[in-house]
Amino acid sequence: RAIVRRARAHGINDIAGCLMEHIAFFA
C-alpha cells in the first residue's frame, strides 16, 4: 500500500507493468 499510494500520489507509472505481471501475488 505504501508503494502504490506513493506512486498514485505523484502520478508515477513506472510500477504499473510489475503490478500487472504479478497481479495474483498482489491480489
mmCIF file of all heavy atoms, coordinates in Angstrom:
data_MODEL
# 
_entry.id   MODEL 
# 
loop_
_atom_site.group_PDB 
_atom_site.id 
_atom_site.type_symbol 
_atom_site.label_atom_id 
_atom_site.label_alt_id 
_atom_site.label_comp_id 
_atom_site.label_asym_id 
_atom_site.label_entity_id 
_atom_site.label_seq_id 
_atom_site.pdbx_PDB_ins_code 
_atom_site.Cartn_x 
_atom_site.Cartn_y 
_atom_site.Cartn_z 
_atom_site.occupancy 
_atom_site.B_iso_or_equiv 
_atom_site.pdbx_formal_charge 
_atom_site.auth_seq_id 
_atom_site.auth_comp_id 
_atom_site.auth_asym_id 
_atom_site.auth_atom_id 
_atom_site.pdbx_PDB_model_num 
ATOM 1   N N   . ARG A 1 1  ? 0.826  -1.208  0.000   1.00 0.00 ? 1  ARG A N   1 
ATOM 2   C CA  . ARG A 1 1  ? 0.000  0.000   0.000   1.00 0.00 ? 1  ARG A CA  1 
ATOM 3   C C   . ARG A 1 1  ? 0.860  1.257   0.000   1.00 0.00 ? 1  ARG A C   1 
ATOM 4   O O   . ARG A 1 1  ? 0.544  2.238   -0.687  1.00 0.00 ? 1  ARG A O   1 
ATOM 5   C CB  . ARG A 1 1  ? -0.932 -0.002  1.218   1.00 0.00 ? 1  ARG A CB  1 
ATOM 6   C CG  . ARG A 1 1  ? -2.082 -0.980  1.099   1.00 0.00 ? 1  ARG A CG  1 
ATOM 7   C CD  . ARG A 1 1  ? -2.824 -1.127  2.405   1.00 0.00 ? 1  ARG A CD  1 
ATOM 8   N NE  . ARG A 1 1  ? -3.969 -2.002  2.264   1.00 0.00 ? 1  ARG A NE  1 
ATOM 9   C CZ  . ARG A 1 1  ? -4.627 -2.534  3.292   1.00 0.00 ? 1  ARG A CZ  1 
ATOM 10  N NH1 . ARG A 1 1  ? -4.243 -2.275  4.531   1.00 0.00 ? 1  ARG A NH1 1 
ATOM 11  N NH2 . ARG A 1 1  ? -5.665 -3.314  3.078   1.00 0.00 ? 1  ARG A NH2 1 
ATOM 12  N N   . ALA A 1 2  ? 1.944  1.233   0.755   1.00 0.00 ? 2  ALA A N   1 
ATOM 13  C CA  . ALA A 1 2  ? 2.827  2.400   0.792   1.00 0.00 ? 2  ALA A CA  1 
ATOM 14  C C   . ALA A 1 2  ? 3.404  2.690   -0.586  1.00 0.00 ? 2  ALA A C   1 
ATOM 15  O O   . ALA A 1 2  ? 3.447  3.837   -1.036  1.00 0.00 ? 2  ALA A O   1 
ATOM 16  C CB  . ALA A 1 2  ? 3.952  2.153   1.800   1.00 0.00 ? 2  ALA A CB  1 
ATOM 17  N N   . ILE A 1 3  ? 3.846  1.649   -1.275  1.00 0.00 ? 3  ILE A N   1 
ATOM 18  C CA  . ILE A 1 3  ? 4.430  1.820   -2.604  1.00 0.00 ? 3  ILE A CA  1 
ATOM 19  C C   . ILE A 1 3  ? 3.394  2.329   -3.599  1.00 0.00 ? 3  ILE A C   1 
ATOM 20  O O   . ILE A 1 3  ? 3.621  3.310   -4.323  1.00 0.00 ? 3  ILE A O   1 
ATOM 21  C CB  . ILE A 1 3  ? 5.039  0.491   -3.090  1.00 0.00 ? 3  ILE A CB  1 
ATOM 22  C CG1 . ILE A 1 3  ? 6.226  0.084   -2.208  1.00 0.00 ? 3  ILE A CG1 1 
ATOM 23  C CG2 . ILE A 1 3  ? 5.484  0.600   -4.548  1.00 0.00 ? 3  ILE A CG2 1 
ATOM 24  C CD1 . ILE A 1 3  ? 6.720  -1.327  -2.450  1.00 0.00 ? 3  ILE A CD1 1 
ATOM 25  N N   . VAL A 1 4  ? 2.247  1.666   -3.645  1.00 0.00 ? 4  VAL A N   1 
ATOM 26  C CA  . VAL A 1 4  ? 1.230  2.019   -4.631  1.00 0.00 ? 4  VAL A CA  1 
ATOM 27  C C   . VAL A 1 4  ? 0.663  3.405   -4.357  1.00 0.00 ? 4  VAL A C   1 
ATOM 28  O O   . VAL A 1 4  ? 0.451  4.203   -5.283  1.00 0.00 ? 4  VAL A O   1 
ATOM 29  C CB  . VAL A 1 4  ? 0.116  0.950   -4.654  1.00 0.00 ? 4  VAL A CB  1 
ATOM 30  C CG1 . VAL A 1 4  ? -1.045 1.390   -5.539  1.00 0.00 ? 4  VAL A CG1 1 
ATOM 31  C CG2 . VAL A 1 4  ? 0.671  -0.381  -5.149  1.00 0.00 ? 4  VAL A CG2 1 
ATOM 32  N N   . ARG A 1 5  ? 0.451  3.725   -3.097  1.00 0.00 ? 5  ARG A N   1 
ATOM 33  C CA  . ARG A 1 5  ? -0.126 5.045   -2.779  1.00 0.00 ? 5  ARG A CA  1 
ATOM 34  C C   . ARG A 1 5  ? 0.861  6.166   -3.053  1.00 0.00 ? 5  ARG A C   1 
ATOM 35  O O   . ARG A 1 5  ? 0.460  7.261   -3.462  1.00 0.00 ? 5  ARG A O   1 
ATOM 36  C CB  . ARG A 1 5  ? -0.623 5.058   -1.333  1.00 0.00 ? 5  ARG A CB  1 
ATOM 37  C CG  . ARG A 1 5  ? -1.817 4.140   -1.149  1.00 0.00 ? 5  ARG A CG  1 
ATOM 38  C CD  . ARG A 1 5  ? -2.280 4.041   0.294   1.00 0.00 ? 5  ARG A CD  1 
ATOM 39  N NE  . ARG A 1 5  ? -3.306 3.009   0.402   1.00 0.00 ? 5  ARG A NE  1 
ATOM 40  C CZ  . ARG A 1 5  ? -3.973 2.741   1.521   1.00 0.00 ? 5  ARG A CZ  1 
ATOM 41  N NH1 . ARG A 1 5  ? -3.704 3.396   2.633   1.00 0.00 ? 5  ARG A NH1 1 
ATOM 42  N NH2 . ARG A 1 5  ? -4.892 1.797   1.530   1.00 0.00 ? 5  ARG A NH2 1 
ATOM 43  N N   . ARG A 1 6  ? 2.153  5.898   -2.826  1.00 0.00 ? 6  ARG A N   1 
ATOM 44  C CA  . ARG A 1 6  ? 3.146  6.906   -3.182  1.00 0.00 ? 6  ARG A CA  1 
ATOM 45  C C   . ARG A 1 6  ? 3.154  7.121   -4.693  1.00 0.00 ? 6  ARG A C   1 
ATOM 46  O O   . ARG A 1 6  ? 3.186  8.254   -5.170  1.00 0.00 ? 6  ARG A O   1 
ATOM 47  C CB  . ARG A 1 6  ? 4.521  6.488   -2.681  1.00 0.00 ? 6  ARG A CB  1 
ATOM 48  C CG  . ARG A 1 6  ? 5.675  7.383   -3.161  1.00 0.00 ? 6  ARG A CG  1 
ATOM 49  C CD  . ARG A 1 6  ? 5.467  8.845   -2.802  1.00 0.00 ? 6  ARG A CD  1 
ATOM 50  N NE  . ARG A 1 6  ? 5.458  9.065   -1.387  1.00 0.00 ? 6  ARG A NE  1 
ATOM 51  C CZ  . ARG A 1 6  ? 6.541  9.342   -0.648  1.00 0.00 ? 6  ARG A CZ  1 
ATOM 52  N NH1 . ARG A 1 6  ? 7.713  9.373   -1.218  1.00 0.00 ? 6  ARG A NH1 1 
ATOM 53  N NH2 . ARG A 1 6  ? 6.441  9.563   0.636   1.00 0.00 ? 6  ARG A NH2 1 
ATOM 54  N N   . ALA A 1 7  ? 3.121  6.032   -5.463  1.00 0.00 ? 7  ALA A N   1 
ATOM 55  C CA  . ALA A 1 7  ? 3.093  6.165   -6.919  1.00 0.00 ? 7  ALA A CA  1 
ATOM 56  C C   . ALA A 1 7  ? 1.835  6.892   -7.378  1.00 0.00 ? 7  ALA A C   1 
ATOM 57  O O   . ALA A 1 7  ? 1.875  7.738   -8.291  1.00 0.00 ? 7  ALA A O   1 
ATOM 58  C CB  . ALA A 1 7  ? 3.176  4.782   -7.566  1.00 0.00 ? 7  ALA A CB  1 
ATOM 59  N N   . ARG A 1 8  ? 0.733  6.598   -6.756  1.00 0.00 ? 8  ARG A N   1 
ATOM 60  C CA  . ARG A 1 8  ? -0.528 7.261   -7.110  1.00 0.00 ? 8  ARG A CA  1 
ATOM 61  C C   . ARG A 1 8  ? -0.472 8.751   -6.774  1.00 0.00 ? 8  ARG A C   1 
ATOM 62  O O   . ARG A 1 8  ? -0.926 9.588   -7.570  1.00 0.00 ? 8  ARG A O   1 
ATOM 63  C CB  . ARG A 1 8  ? -1.677 6.584   -6.358  1.00 0.00 ? 8  ARG A CB  1 
ATOM 64  C CG  . ARG A 1 8  ? -3.058 7.174   -6.642  1.00 0.00 ? 8  ARG A CG  1 
ATOM 65  C CD  . ARG A 1 8  ? -4.102 6.457   -5.811  1.00 0.00 ? 8  ARG A CD  1 
ATOM 66  N NE  . ARG A 1 8  ? -5.355 7.197   -5.750  1.00 0.00 ? 8  ARG A NE  1 
ATOM 67  C CZ  . ARG A 1 8  ? -6.227 7.107   -4.777  1.00 0.00 ? 8  ARG A CZ  1 
ATOM 68  N NH1 . ARG A 1 8  ? -5.990 6.289   -3.749  1.00 0.00 ? 8  ARG A NH1 1 
ATOM 69  N NH2 . ARG A 1 8  ? -7.342 7.799   -4.787  1.00 0.00 ? 8  ARG A NH2 1 
ATOM 70  N N   . ALA A 1 9  ? 0.106  9.088   -5.633  1.00 0.00 ? 9  ALA A N   1 
ATOM 71  C CA  . ALA A 1 9  ? 0.158  10.491  -5.222  1.00 0.00 ? 9  ALA A CA  1 
ATOM 72  C C   . ALA A 1 9  ? 0.964  11.336  -6.197  1.00 0.00 ? 9  ALA A C   1 
ATOM 73  O O   . ALA A 1 9  ? 0.661  12.513  -6.411  1.00 0.00 ? 9  ALA A O   1 
ATOM 74  C CB  . ALA A 1 9  ? 0.758  10.594  -3.817  1.00 0.00 ? 9  ALA A CB  1 
ATOM 75  N N   . HIS A 1 10 ? 1.993  10.749  -6.819  1.00 0.00 ? 10 HIS A N   1 
ATOM 76  C CA  . HIS A 1 10 ? 2.862  11.506  -7.715  1.00 0.00 ? 10 HIS A CA  1 
ATOM 77  C C   . HIS A 1 10 ? 2.622  11.197  -9.190  1.00 0.00 ? 10 HIS A C   1 
ATOM 78  O O   . HIS A 1 10 ? 3.355  11.691  -10.053 1.00 0.00 ? 10 HIS A O   1 
ATOM 79  C CB  . HIS A 1 10 ? 4.332  11.236  -7.374  1.00 0.00 ? 10 HIS A CB  1 
ATOM 80  C CG  . HIS A 1 10 ? 4.749  11.765  -6.036  1.00 0.00 ? 10 HIS A CG  1 
ATOM 81  N ND1 . HIS A 1 10 ? 4.378  13.012  -5.577  1.00 0.00 ? 10 HIS A ND1 1 
ATOM 82  C CD2 . HIS A 1 10 ? 5.493  11.210  -5.046  1.00 0.00 ? 10 HIS A CD2 1 
ATOM 83  C CE1 . HIS A 1 10 ? 4.892  13.208  -4.365  1.00 0.00 ? 10 HIS A CE1 1 
ATOM 84  N NE2 . HIS A 1 10 ? 5.564  12.125  -4.022  1.00 0.00 ? 10 HIS A NE2 1 
ATOM 85  N N   . GLY A 1 11 ? 1.626  10.362  -9.491  1.00 0.00 ? 11 GLY A N   1 
ATOM 86  C CA  . GLY A 1 11 ? 1.339  10.055  -10.881 1.00 0.00 ? 11 GLY A CA  1 
ATOM 87  C C   . GLY A 1 11 ? 2.458  9.309   -11.573 1.00 0.00 ? 11 GLY A C   1 
ATOM 88  O O   . GLY A 1 11 ? 2.715  9.505   -12.765 1.00 0.00 ? 11 GLY A O   1 
ATOM 89  N N   . ILE A 1 12 ? 3.124  8.414   -10.838 1.00 0.00 ? 12 ILE A N   1 
ATOM 90  C CA  . ILE A 1 12 ? 4.262  7.660   -11.361 1.00 0.00 ? 12 ILE A CA  1 
ATOM 91  C C   . ILE A 1 12 ? 3.762  6.349   -11.955 1.00 0.00 ? 12 ILE A C   1 
ATOM 92  O O   . ILE A 1 12 ? 3.108  5.568   -11.263 1.00 0.00 ? 12 ILE A O   1 
ATOM 93  C CB  . ILE A 1 12 ? 5.282  7.386   -10.233 1.00 0.00 ? 12 ILE A CB  1 
ATOM 94  C CG1 . ILE A 1 12 ? 5.860  8.713   -9.720  1.00 0.00 ? 12 ILE A CG1 1 
ATOM 95  C CG2 . ILE A 1 12 ? 6.386  6.445   -10.704 1.00 0.00 ? 12 ILE A CG2 1 
ATOM 96  C CD1 . ILE A 1 12 ? 6.622  8.569   -8.422  1.00 0.00 ? 12 ILE A CD1 1 
ATOM 97  N N   . ASN A 1 13 ? 4.084  6.089   -13.230 1.00 0.00 ? 13 ASN A N   1 
ATOM 98  C CA  . ASN A 1 13 ? 3.578  4.863   -13.853 1.00 0.00 ? 13 ASN A CA  1 
ATOM 99  C C   . ASN A 1 13 ? 4.634  3.774   -13.988 1.00 0.00 ? 13 ASN A C   1 
ATOM 100 O O   . ASN A 1 13 ? 4.385  2.736   -14.590 1.00 0.00 ? 13 ASN A O   1 
ATOM 101 C CB  . ASN A 1 13 ? 2.951  5.160   -15.217 1.00 0.00 ? 13 ASN A CB  1 
ATOM 102 C CG  . ASN A 1 13 ? 3.961  5.672   -16.233 1.00 0.00 ? 13 ASN A CG  1 
ATOM 103 O OD1 . ASN A 1 13 ? 5.173  5.606   -16.023 1.00 0.00 ? 13 ASN A OD1 1 
ATOM 104 N ND2 . ASN A 1 13 ? 3.459  6.215   -17.333 1.00 0.00 ? 13 ASN A ND2 1 
ATOM 105 N N   . ASP A 1 14 ? 5.819  3.982   -13.395 1.00 0.00 ? 14 ASP A N   1 
ATOM 106 C CA  . ASP A 1 14 ? 6.926  3.029   -13.532 1.00 0.00 ? 14 ASP A CA  1 
ATOM 107 C C   . ASP A 1 14 ? 6.606  1.647   -12.973 1.00 0.00 ? 14 ASP A C   1 
ATOM 108 O O   . ASP A 1 14 ? 7.182  0.645   -13.410 1.00 0.00 ? 14 ASP A O   1 
ATOM 109 C CB  . ASP A 1 14 ? 8.180  3.563   -12.836 1.00 0.00 ? 14 ASP A CB  1 
ATOM 110 C CG  . ASP A 1 14 ? 8.660  4.880   -13.415 1.00 0.00 ? 14 ASP A CG  1 
ATOM 111 O OD1 . ASP A 1 14 ? 7.865  5.843   -13.416 1.00 0.00 ? 14 ASP A OD1 1 
ATOM 112 O OD2 . ASP A 1 14 ? 9.834  4.952   -13.849 1.00 0.00 ? 14 ASP A OD2 1 
ATOM 113 N N   . ILE A 1 15 ? 5.720  1.567   -11.997 1.00 0.00 ? 15 ILE A N   1 
ATOM 114 C CA  . ILE A 1 15 ? 5.462  0.282   -11.345 1.00 0.00 ? 15 ILE A CA  1 
ATOM 115 C C   . ILE A 1 15 ? 4.294  -0.465  -11.970 1.00 0.00 ? 15 ILE A C   1 
ATOM 116 O O   . ILE A 1 15 ? 3.987  -1.591  -11.578 1.00 0.00 ? 15 ILE A O   1 
ATOM 117 C CB  . ILE A 1 15 ? 5.201  0.460   -9.827  1.00 0.00 ? 15 ILE A CB  1 
ATOM 118 C CG1 . ILE A 1 15 ? 3.894  1.223   -9.574  1.00 0.00 ? 15 ILE A CG1 1 
ATOM 119 C CG2 . ILE A 1 15 ? 6.375  1.158   -9.151  1.00 0.00 ? 15 ILE A CG2 1 
ATOM 120 C CD1 . ILE A 1 15 ? 3.480  1.242   -8.109  1.00 0.00 ? 15 ILE A CD1 1 
ATOM 121 N N   . ALA A 1 16 ? 3.635  0.134   -12.945 1.00 0.00 ? 16 ALA A N   1 
ATOM 122 C CA  . ALA A 1 16 ? 2.406  -0.457  -13.492 1.00 0.00 ? 16 ALA A CA  1 
ATOM 123 C C   . ALA A 1 16 ? 2.662  -1.831  -14.098 1.00 0.00 ? 16 ALA A C   1 
ATOM 124 O O   . ALA A 1 16 ? 1.907  -2.778  -13.860 1.00 0.00 ? 16 ALA A O   1 
ATOM 125 C CB  . ALA A 1 16 ? 1.787  0.483   -14.524 1.00 0.00 ? 16 ALA A CB  1 
ATOM 126 N N   . GLY A 1 17 ? 3.711  -1.964  -14.879 1.00 0.00 ? 17 GLY A N   1 
ATOM 127 C CA  . GLY A 1 17 ? 3.989  -3.237  -15.529 1.00 0.00 ? 17 GLY A CA  1 
ATOM 128 C C   . GLY A 1 17 ? 4.261  -4.347  -14.541 1.00 0.00 ? 17 GLY A C   1 
ATOM 129 O O   . GLY A 1 17 ? 3.783  -5.484  -14.713 1.00 0.00 ? 17 GLY A O   1 
ATOM 130 N N   . CYS A 1 18 ? 5.019  -4.055  -13.497 1.00 0.00 ? 18 CYS A N   1 
ATOM 131 C CA  . CYS A 1 18 ? 5.322  -5.051  -12.467 1.00 0.00 ? 18 CYS A CA  1 
ATOM 132 C C   . CYS A 1 18 ? 4.057  -5.478  -11.735 1.00 0.00 ? 18 CYS A C   1 
ATOM 133 O O   . CYS A 1 18 ? 3.872  -6.658  -11.436 1.00 0.00 ? 18 CYS A O   1 
ATOM 134 C CB  . CYS A 1 18 ? 6.358  -4.493  -11.487 1.00 0.00 ? 18 CYS A CB  1 
ATOM 135 S SG  . CYS A 1 18 ? 6.908  -5.675  -10.237 1.00 0.00 ? 18 CYS A SG  1 
ATOM 136 N N   . LEU A 1 19 ? 3.174  -4.537  -11.454 1.00 0.00 ? 19 LEU A N   1 
ATOM 137 C CA  . LEU A 1 19 ? 1.911  -4.876  -10.796 1.00 0.00 ? 19 LEU A CA  1 
ATOM 138 C C   . LEU A 1 19 ? 1.077  -5.811  -11.656 1.00 0.00 ? 19 LEU A C   1 
ATOM 139 O O   . LEU A 1 19 ? 0.485  -6.774  -11.158 1.00 0.00 ? 19 LEU A O   1 
ATOM 140 C CB  . LEU A 1 19 ? 1.126  -3.603  -10.483 1.00 0.00 ? 19 LEU A CB  1 
ATOM 141 C CG  . LEU A 1 19 ? 1.674  -2.705  -9.373  1.00 0.00 ? 19 LEU A CG  1 
ATOM 142 C CD1 . LEU A 1 19 ? 0.934  -1.378  -9.342  1.00 0.00 ? 19 LEU A CD1 1 
ATOM 143 C CD2 . LEU A 1 19 ? 1.586  -3.393  -8.013  1.00 0.00 ? 19 LEU A CD2 1 
ATOM 144 N N   . MET A 1 20 ? 1.012  -5.540  -12.959 1.00 0.00 ? 20 MET A N   1 
ATOM 145 C CA  . MET A 1 20 ? 0.238  -6.404  -13.850 1.00 0.00 ? 20 MET A CA  1 
ATOM 146 C C   . MET A 1 20 ? 0.853  -7.798  -13.937 1.00 0.00 ? 20 MET A C   1 
ATOM 147 O O   . MET A 1 20 ? 0.147  -8.809  -13.929 1.00 0.00 ? 20 MET A O   1 
ATOM 148 C CB  . MET A 1 20 ? 0.153  -5.781  -15.238 1.00 0.00 ? 20 MET A CB  1 
ATOM 149 C CG  . MET A 1 20 ? -0.647 -4.490  -15.295 1.00 0.00 ? 20 MET A CG  1 
ATOM 150 S SD  . MET A 1 20 ? -0.705 -3.823  -16.987 1.00 0.00 ? 20 MET A SD  1 
ATOM 151 C CE  . MET A 1 20 ? -0.906 -2.074  -16.647 1.00 0.00 ? 20 MET A CE  1 
ATOM 152 N N   . GLU A 1 21 ? 2.187  -7.852  -14.008 1.00 0.00 ? 21 GLU A N   1 
ATOM 153 C CA  . GLU A 1 21 ? 2.879  -9.135  -14.147 1.00 0.00 ? 21 GLU A CA  1 
ATOM 154 C C   . GLU A 1 21 ? 2.646  -10.027 -12.929 1.00 0.00 ? 21 GLU A C   1 
ATOM 155 O O   . GLU A 1 21 ? 2.530  -11.245 -13.050 1.00 0.00 ? 21 GLU A O   1 
ATOM 156 C CB  . GLU A 1 21 ? 4.368  -8.893  -14.351 1.00 0.00 ? 21 GLU A CB  1 
ATOM 157 C CG  . GLU A 1 21 ? 5.181  -10.171 -14.524 1.00 0.00 ? 21 GLU A CG  1 
ATOM 158 C CD  . GLU A 1 21 ? 6.665  -9.885  -14.683 1.00 0.00 ? 21 GLU A CD  1 
ATOM 159 O OE1 . GLU A 1 21 ? 7.053  -8.689  -14.740 1.00 0.00 ? 21 GLU A OE1 1 
ATOM 160 O OE2 . GLU A 1 21 ? 7.449  -10.858 -14.731 1.00 0.00 ? 21 GLU A OE2 1 
ATOM 161 N N   . HIS A 1 22 ? 2.561  -9.415  -11.752 1.00 0.00 ? 22 HIS A N   1 
ATOM 162 C CA  . HIS A 1 22 ? 2.457  -10.190 -10.504 1.00 0.00 ? 22 HIS A CA  1 
ATOM 163 C C   . HIS A 1 22 ? 1.099  -9.982  -9.839  1.00 0.00 ? 22 HIS A C   1 
ATOM 164 O O   . HIS A 1 22 ? 0.994  -10.025 -8.610  1.00 0.00 ? 22 HIS A O   1 
ATOM 165 C CB  . HIS A 1 22 ? 3.573  -9.790  -9.547  1.00 0.00 ? 22 HIS A CB  1 
ATOM 166 C CG  . HIS A 1 22 ? 4.956  -10.050 -10.068 1.00 0.00 ? 22 HIS A CG  1 
ATOM 167 N ND1 . HIS A 1 22 ? 5.532  -11.298 -10.053 1.00 0.00 ? 22 HIS A ND1 1 
ATOM 168 C CD2 . HIS A 1 22 ? 5.860  -9.209  -10.633 1.00 0.00 ? 22 HIS A CD2 1 
ATOM 169 C CE1 . HIS A 1 22 ? 6.745  -11.225 -10.586 1.00 0.00 ? 22 HIS A CE1 1 
ATOM 170 N NE2 . HIS A 1 22 ? 6.975  -9.972  -10.944 1.00 0.00 ? 22 HIS A NE2 1 
ATOM 171 N N   . ILE A 1 23 ? 0.051  -9.774  -10.627 1.00 0.00 ? 23 ILE A N   1 
ATOM 172 C CA  . ILE A 1 23 ? -1.242 -9.400  -10.061 1.00 0.00 ? 23 ILE A CA  1 
ATOM 173 C C   . ILE A 1 23 ? -1.793 -10.472 -9.126  1.00 0.00 ? 23 ILE A C   1 
ATOM 174 O O   . ILE A 1 23 ? -2.475 -10.157 -8.146  1.00 0.00 ? 23 ILE A O   1 
ATOM 175 C CB  . ILE A 1 23 ? -2.252 -9.067  -11.183 1.00 0.00 ? 23 ILE A CB  1 
ATOM 176 C CG1 . ILE A 1 23 ? -3.541 -8.466  -10.593 1.00 0.00 ? 23 ILE A CG1 1 
ATOM 177 C CG2 . ILE A 1 23 ? -2.553 -10.299 -12.019 1.00 0.00 ? 23 ILE A CG2 1 
ATOM 178 C CD1 . ILE A 1 23 ? -3.329 -7.165  -9.851  1.00 0.00 ? 23 ILE A CD1 1 
ATOM 179 N N   . ALA A 1 24 ? -1.501 -11.744 -9.361  1.00 0.00 ? 24 ALA A N   1 
ATOM 180 C CA  . ALA A 1 24 ? -2.005 -12.788 -8.461  1.00 0.00 ? 24 ALA A CA  1 
ATOM 181 C C   . ALA A 1 24 ? -1.395 -12.637 -7.078  1.00 0.00 ? 24 ALA A C   1 
ATOM 182 O O   . ALA A 1 24 ? -2.088 -12.772 -6.058  1.00 0.00 ? 24 ALA A O   1 
ATOM 183 C CB  . ALA A 1 24 ? -1.706 -14.173 -9.035  1.00 0.00 ? 24 ALA A CB  1 
ATOM 184 N N   . PHE A 1 25 ? -0.089 -12.355 -6.993  1.00 0.00 ? 25 PHE A N   1 
ATOM 185 C CA  . PHE A 1 25 ? 0.578  -12.157 -5.715  1.00 0.00 ? 25 PHE A CA  1 
ATOM 186 C C   . PHE A 1 25 ? 0.047  -10.911 -5.013  1.00 0.00 ? 25 PHE A C   1 
ATOM 187 O O   . PHE A 1 25 ? -0.120 -10.884 -3.790  1.00 0.00 ? 25 PHE A O   1 
ATOM 188 C CB  . PHE A 1 25 ? 2.089  -12.037 -5.940  1.00 0.00 ? 25 PHE A CB  1 
ATOM 189 C CG  . PHE A 1 25 ? 2.899  -11.833 -4.682  1.00 0.00 ? 25 PHE A CG  1 
ATOM 190 C CD1 . PHE A 1 25 ? 3.030  -12.848 -3.744  1.00 0.00 ? 25 PHE A CD1 1 
ATOM 191 C CD2 . PHE A 1 25 ? 3.541  -10.629 -4.446  1.00 0.00 ? 25 PHE A CD2 1 
ATOM 192 C CE1 . PHE A 1 25 ? 3.776  -12.657 -2.586  1.00 0.00 ? 25 PHE A CE1 1 
ATOM 193 C CE2 . PHE A 1 25 ? 4.295  -10.423 -3.300  1.00 0.00 ? 25 PHE A CE2 1 
ATOM 194 C CZ  . PHE A 1 25 ? 4.417  -11.447 -2.368  1.00 0.00 ? 25 PHE A CZ  1 
ATOM 195 N N   . PHE A 1 26 ? -0.236 -9.864  -5.800  1.00 0.00 ? 26 PHE A N   1 
ATOM 196 C CA  . PHE A 1 26 ? -0.686 -8.595  -5.228  1.00 0.00 ? 26 PHE A CA  1 
ATOM 197 C C   . PHE A 1 26 ? -2.198 -8.529  -5.042  1.00 0.00 ? 26 PHE A C   1 
ATOM 198 O O   . PHE A 1 26 ? -2.726 -7.488  -4.652  1.00 0.00 ? 26 PHE A O   1 
ATOM 199 C CB  . PHE A 1 26 ? -0.246 -7.434  -6.119  1.00 0.00 ? 26 PHE A CB  1 
ATOM 200 C CG  . PHE A 1 26 ? 1.237  -7.245  -6.205  1.00 0.00 ? 26 PHE A CG  1 
ATOM 201 C CD1 . PHE A 1 26 ? 1.852  -7.045  -7.426  1.00 0.00 ? 26 PHE A CD1 1 
ATOM 202 C CD2 . PHE A 1 26 ? 2.022  -7.258  -5.064  1.00 0.00 ? 26 PHE A CD2 1 
ATOM 203 C CE1 . PHE A 1 26 ? 3.222  -6.861  -7.515  1.00 0.00 ? 26 PHE A CE1 1 
ATOM 204 C CE2 . PHE A 1 26 ? 3.395  -7.068  -5.134  1.00 0.00 ? 26 PHE A CE2 1 
ATOM 205 C CZ  . PHE A 1 26 ? 4.006  -6.868  -6.369  1.00 0.00 ? 26 PHE A CZ  1 
ATOM 206 N N   . ALA A 1 27 ? -2.926 -9.620  -5.288  1.00 0.00 ? 27 ALA A N   1 
ATOM 207 C CA  . ALA A 1 27 ? -4.386 -9.595  -5.262  1.00 0.00 ? 27 ALA A CA  1 
ATOM 208 C C   . ALA A 1 27 ? -4.985 -9.031  -3.972  1.00 0.00 ? 27 ALA A C   1 
ATOM 209 O O   . ALA A 1 27 ? -6.005 -8.324  -4.032  1.00 0.00 ? 27 ALA A O   1 
ATOM 210 C CB  . ALA A 1 27 ? -4.940 -10.995 -5.524  1.00 0.00 ? 27 ALA A CB  1 
# 
